[in-house]
Protein backbone atom coordinates (compact mmCIF):
# COMPACT_ATOMS: atom_id res chain seq x y z
CA MET A 1 -40.11 13.08 1.29
CA PRO A 2 -37.39 13.63 -1.32
CA PHE A 3 -33.77 13.65 -0.22
CA ASN A 4 -32.60 17.07 0.96
CA HIS A 5 -28.93 17.26 1.93
CA ASN A 6 -29.73 20.16 4.30
CA ILE A 7 -32.09 17.95 6.32
CA HIS A 8 -30.78 14.42 5.76
CA HIS A 9 -27.20 14.13 6.93
CA ARG A 10 -26.02 10.80 5.53
CA ARG A 11 -22.44 10.17 6.44
CA SER A 12 -20.41 7.45 4.85
CA ILE A 13 -19.47 4.58 7.13
CA ARG A 14 -16.54 3.71 4.88
CA LEU A 15 -12.91 4.37 5.77
CA LYS A 16 -12.10 7.69 4.11
CA GLY A 17 -9.55 7.37 1.34
CA TYR A 18 -9.44 3.56 1.45
CA ASP A 19 -9.52 1.70 -1.88
CA TYR A 20 -12.24 -0.93 -1.42
CA SER A 21 -11.16 -2.68 -4.61
CA GLN A 22 -7.75 -3.61 -3.27
CA ALA A 23 -6.80 -7.13 -2.28
CA GLY A 24 -7.66 -8.06 1.27
CA LEU A 25 -10.17 -9.66 3.59
CA TYR A 26 -13.45 -7.93 4.43
CA PHE A 27 -16.05 -8.82 7.06
CA ILE A 28 -19.48 -7.95 5.68
CA THR A 29 -22.78 -7.59 7.54
CA ILE A 30 -26.01 -6.86 5.68
CA CYS A 31 -29.19 -6.28 7.67
CA CYS A 32 -32.80 -6.59 6.70
CA ASN A 33 -34.72 -3.37 6.59
CA ARG A 34 -36.79 -3.21 9.76
CA LYS A 35 -39.13 -0.88 7.93
CA GLY A 36 -39.83 -3.85 5.66
CA ASN A 37 -41.54 -5.59 8.56
CA PRO A 38 -45.22 -5.90 7.71
CA LEU A 39 -47.17 -4.43 10.61
CA TRP A 40 -49.24 -7.58 10.99
CA LEU A 41 -46.16 -9.72 11.65
CA PRO A 42 -44.86 -9.50 15.21
CA LEU A 43 -41.37 -10.41 14.06
CA TRP A 44 -40.03 -10.30 10.52
CA LEU A 45 -37.49 -13.09 10.12
CA PRO A 46 -37.49 -13.70 6.39
CA PHE A 47 -34.60 -16.18 6.15
CA GLY A 48 -35.41 -18.81 8.76
CA LYS A 49 -35.16 -19.34 12.50
CA ILE A 50 -32.80 -20.37 15.24
CA GLU A 51 -33.65 -23.71 16.78
CA ASN A 52 -31.48 -25.33 19.45
CA LYS A 53 -28.76 -22.74 18.74
CA GLU A 54 -28.65 -23.75 15.05
CA MET A 55 -29.76 -21.71 12.06
CA ILE A 56 -32.56 -23.41 10.15
CA LEU A 57 -32.80 -21.81 6.71
CA ASN A 58 -36.15 -21.55 5.01
CA ASP A 59 -36.32 -21.38 1.21
CA ALA A 60 -35.60 -17.64 1.21
CA GLY A 61 -32.57 -18.22 3.43
CA LYS A 62 -31.35 -20.96 1.09
CA MET A 63 -31.68 -18.51 -1.80
CA ILE A 64 -29.56 -15.95 0.09
CA GLU A 65 -26.90 -18.61 0.68
CA THR A 66 -26.99 -19.72 -2.97
CA GLU A 67 -26.58 -16.15 -4.25
CA TRP A 68 -23.70 -15.49 -1.82
CA VAL A 69 -21.85 -18.56 -3.08
CA ALA A 70 -22.62 -17.52 -6.69
CA LEU A 71 -20.68 -14.27 -6.19
CA ILE A 72 -17.49 -16.15 -7.10
CA THR A 73 -18.87 -16.69 -10.60
CA ARG A 74 -19.80 -13.02 -10.98
CA PHE A 75 -16.58 -11.62 -9.50
CA GLN A 76 -13.74 -13.95 -10.39
CA ASN A 77 -11.13 -12.21 -8.26
CA ILE A 78 -12.77 -13.09 -4.95
CA GLU A 79 -12.77 -15.97 -2.51
CA LEU A 80 -15.43 -16.56 0.09
CA HIS A 81 -14.62 -17.62 3.62
CA GLU A 82 -16.94 -18.18 6.58
CA TYR A 83 -20.49 -16.90 6.27
CA ILE A 84 -23.85 -17.33 7.94
CA VAL A 85 -27.37 -16.45 6.88
CA MET A 86 -29.21 -15.40 10.04
CA PRO A 87 -32.99 -14.91 10.42
CA ASN A 88 -32.82 -11.19 9.60
CA HIS A 89 -29.22 -10.45 8.58
CA PHE A 90 -26.16 -11.90 6.93
CA HIS A 91 -22.47 -12.12 7.89
CA GLY A 92 -19.65 -13.16 5.58
CA ILE A 93 -15.94 -12.84 4.98
CA LEU A 94 -15.04 -11.97 1.42
CA GLN A 95 -11.48 -11.83 0.09
CA ILE A 96 -10.39 -9.84 -2.94
CA VAL A 97 -7.37 -11.65 -4.35
CA GLY A 98 -6.31 -9.02 -6.93
CA GLY A 99 -7.09 -7.90 -10.47
CA THR A 100 -7.34 -10.23 -13.43
CA VAL A 101 -4.78 -10.13 -16.22
CA GLY A 102 -6.19 -9.46 -19.68
CA ALA A 103 -4.88 -10.32 -23.15
CA THR A 104 -2.69 -7.21 -23.20
CA THR A 105 -1.21 -8.19 -19.81
CA ARG A 106 -2.76 -5.10 -18.25
CA VAL A 107 -4.53 -5.65 -14.96
CA ALA A 108 -8.28 -5.33 -15.41
CA PRO A 109 -10.01 -2.99 -12.98
CA THR A 110 -11.30 -4.68 -9.87
CA LYS A 111 -14.81 -4.10 -8.65
CA THR A 112 -15.16 -2.62 -5.19
CA ILE A 113 -16.77 -4.26 -2.18
CA GLY A 114 -19.60 -1.76 -2.72
CA ASP A 115 -20.11 -2.99 -6.30
CA MET A 116 -20.24 -6.57 -5.06
CA MET A 117 -22.66 -5.85 -2.22
CA ASP A 118 -24.90 -3.79 -4.53
CA ALA A 119 -25.05 -6.75 -6.93
CA PHE A 120 -25.73 -9.22 -4.11
CA LYS A 121 -28.49 -7.09 -2.61
CA SER A 122 -30.07 -6.44 -6.00
CA ILE A 123 -30.04 -10.08 -7.10
CA THR A 124 -31.40 -11.34 -3.78
CA THR A 125 -34.11 -8.69 -3.75
CA VAL A 126 -35.31 -9.70 -7.21
CA GLU A 127 -35.28 -13.37 -6.21
CA TYR A 128 -37.07 -12.63 -2.93
CA ILE A 129 -39.80 -10.69 -4.76
CA ARG A 130 -40.20 -13.67 -7.11
CA GLY A 131 -40.53 -15.92 -4.05
CA VAL A 132 -43.21 -13.68 -2.53
CA LYS A 133 -45.19 -13.69 -5.77
CA THR A 134 -44.86 -17.38 -6.65
CA LEU A 135 -43.78 -19.33 -3.56
CA GLY A 136 -45.61 -17.70 -0.67
CA TRP A 137 -42.57 -16.18 1.04
CA GLN A 138 -43.14 -13.54 3.70
CA PRO A 139 -44.14 -10.26 2.07
CA PHE A 140 -42.37 -7.02 2.94
CA ASN A 141 -42.89 -3.28 2.67
CA GLY A 142 -40.38 -1.15 0.84
CA LYS A 143 -37.00 -2.84 0.69
CA ILE A 144 -35.67 -6.13 2.04
CA TRP A 145 -32.21 -4.80 2.89
CA GLN A 146 -31.16 -1.69 4.71
CA ARG A 147 -29.72 1.00 2.45
CA ASN A 148 -26.12 0.28 3.36
CA TYR A 149 -24.04 -2.57 4.74
CA TYR A 150 -21.31 -2.84 7.34
CA GLU A 151 -17.78 -3.84 6.50
CA ASN A 152 -14.67 -4.27 8.51
CA ILE A 153 -11.25 -4.55 6.90
CA ILE A 154 -9.58 -7.61 8.41
CA ARG A 155 -6.01 -6.57 9.08
CA ASP A 156 -4.36 -9.59 10.70
CA GLU A 157 -4.69 -13.29 11.54
CA GLN A 158 -6.02 -12.67 15.05
CA ALA A 159 -8.81 -10.43 13.73
CA TYR A 160 -9.61 -13.07 11.10
CA GLN A 161 -9.85 -15.79 13.77
CA ASN A 162 -12.04 -13.62 16.02
CA ILE A 163 -14.41 -12.74 13.21
CA SER A 164 -14.55 -16.32 11.90
CA ASN A 165 -15.46 -17.54 15.38
CA TYR A 166 -18.08 -14.81 15.71
CA ILE A 167 -19.69 -15.89 12.43
CA LEU A 168 -19.62 -19.59 13.26
CA ASN A 169 -21.02 -19.02 16.77
CA ASN A 170 -23.62 -16.44 15.77
CA PRO A 171 -26.63 -18.79 15.87
CA ALA A 172 -25.72 -20.02 19.37
CA LYS A 173 -25.61 -16.40 20.57
CA TRP A 174 -28.77 -15.27 18.78
CA ASN A 175 -30.45 -13.95 21.93
CA GLU A 176 -27.40 -11.74 22.56
CA ASP A 177 -27.06 -10.58 18.94
CA LYS A 178 -27.59 -6.86 18.29
CA PHE A 179 -29.66 -7.80 15.22
CA PHE A 180 -31.99 -10.02 17.27
CA THR A 181 -35.48 -8.60 17.38
CA SER A 182 -38.24 -9.86 19.56
């Protein structure tokens, strides 16, 4: 069914009026599309599994990690902090450190968090499709990632510590995780 704004009421989950290209720390969560779960698989965990409260990445999960780390070569005004590839979602802290200065000493425009997440999702989708076709990775229907992503602007040191701990402890709390599917 084509999109009809009278029927489909998509509301932005972004903070209204906030400039998502400005310097700061952002907590990002990207979830796999549950609709991508092939009906014949009881549980679609495309990036690996939790074993003894540790995340064990499969090759697809390693690709997700590699592409996350590669973001710093694509967007040179960012730093990456804690992150974790989970069986069916991803958490990471990304920091925008400011615009880059060009030859005319003007500040070059900074890409937004949305631009960065669109690039990440696009690149990982292309690589995942390649893995399905050539490496036997789990197939999927439709899209790998959900349409959007979640972000939280990290406003102070305490929030940063709480989120960092959440990311680092996520595998140990897998059974309690809201993205856990069984």
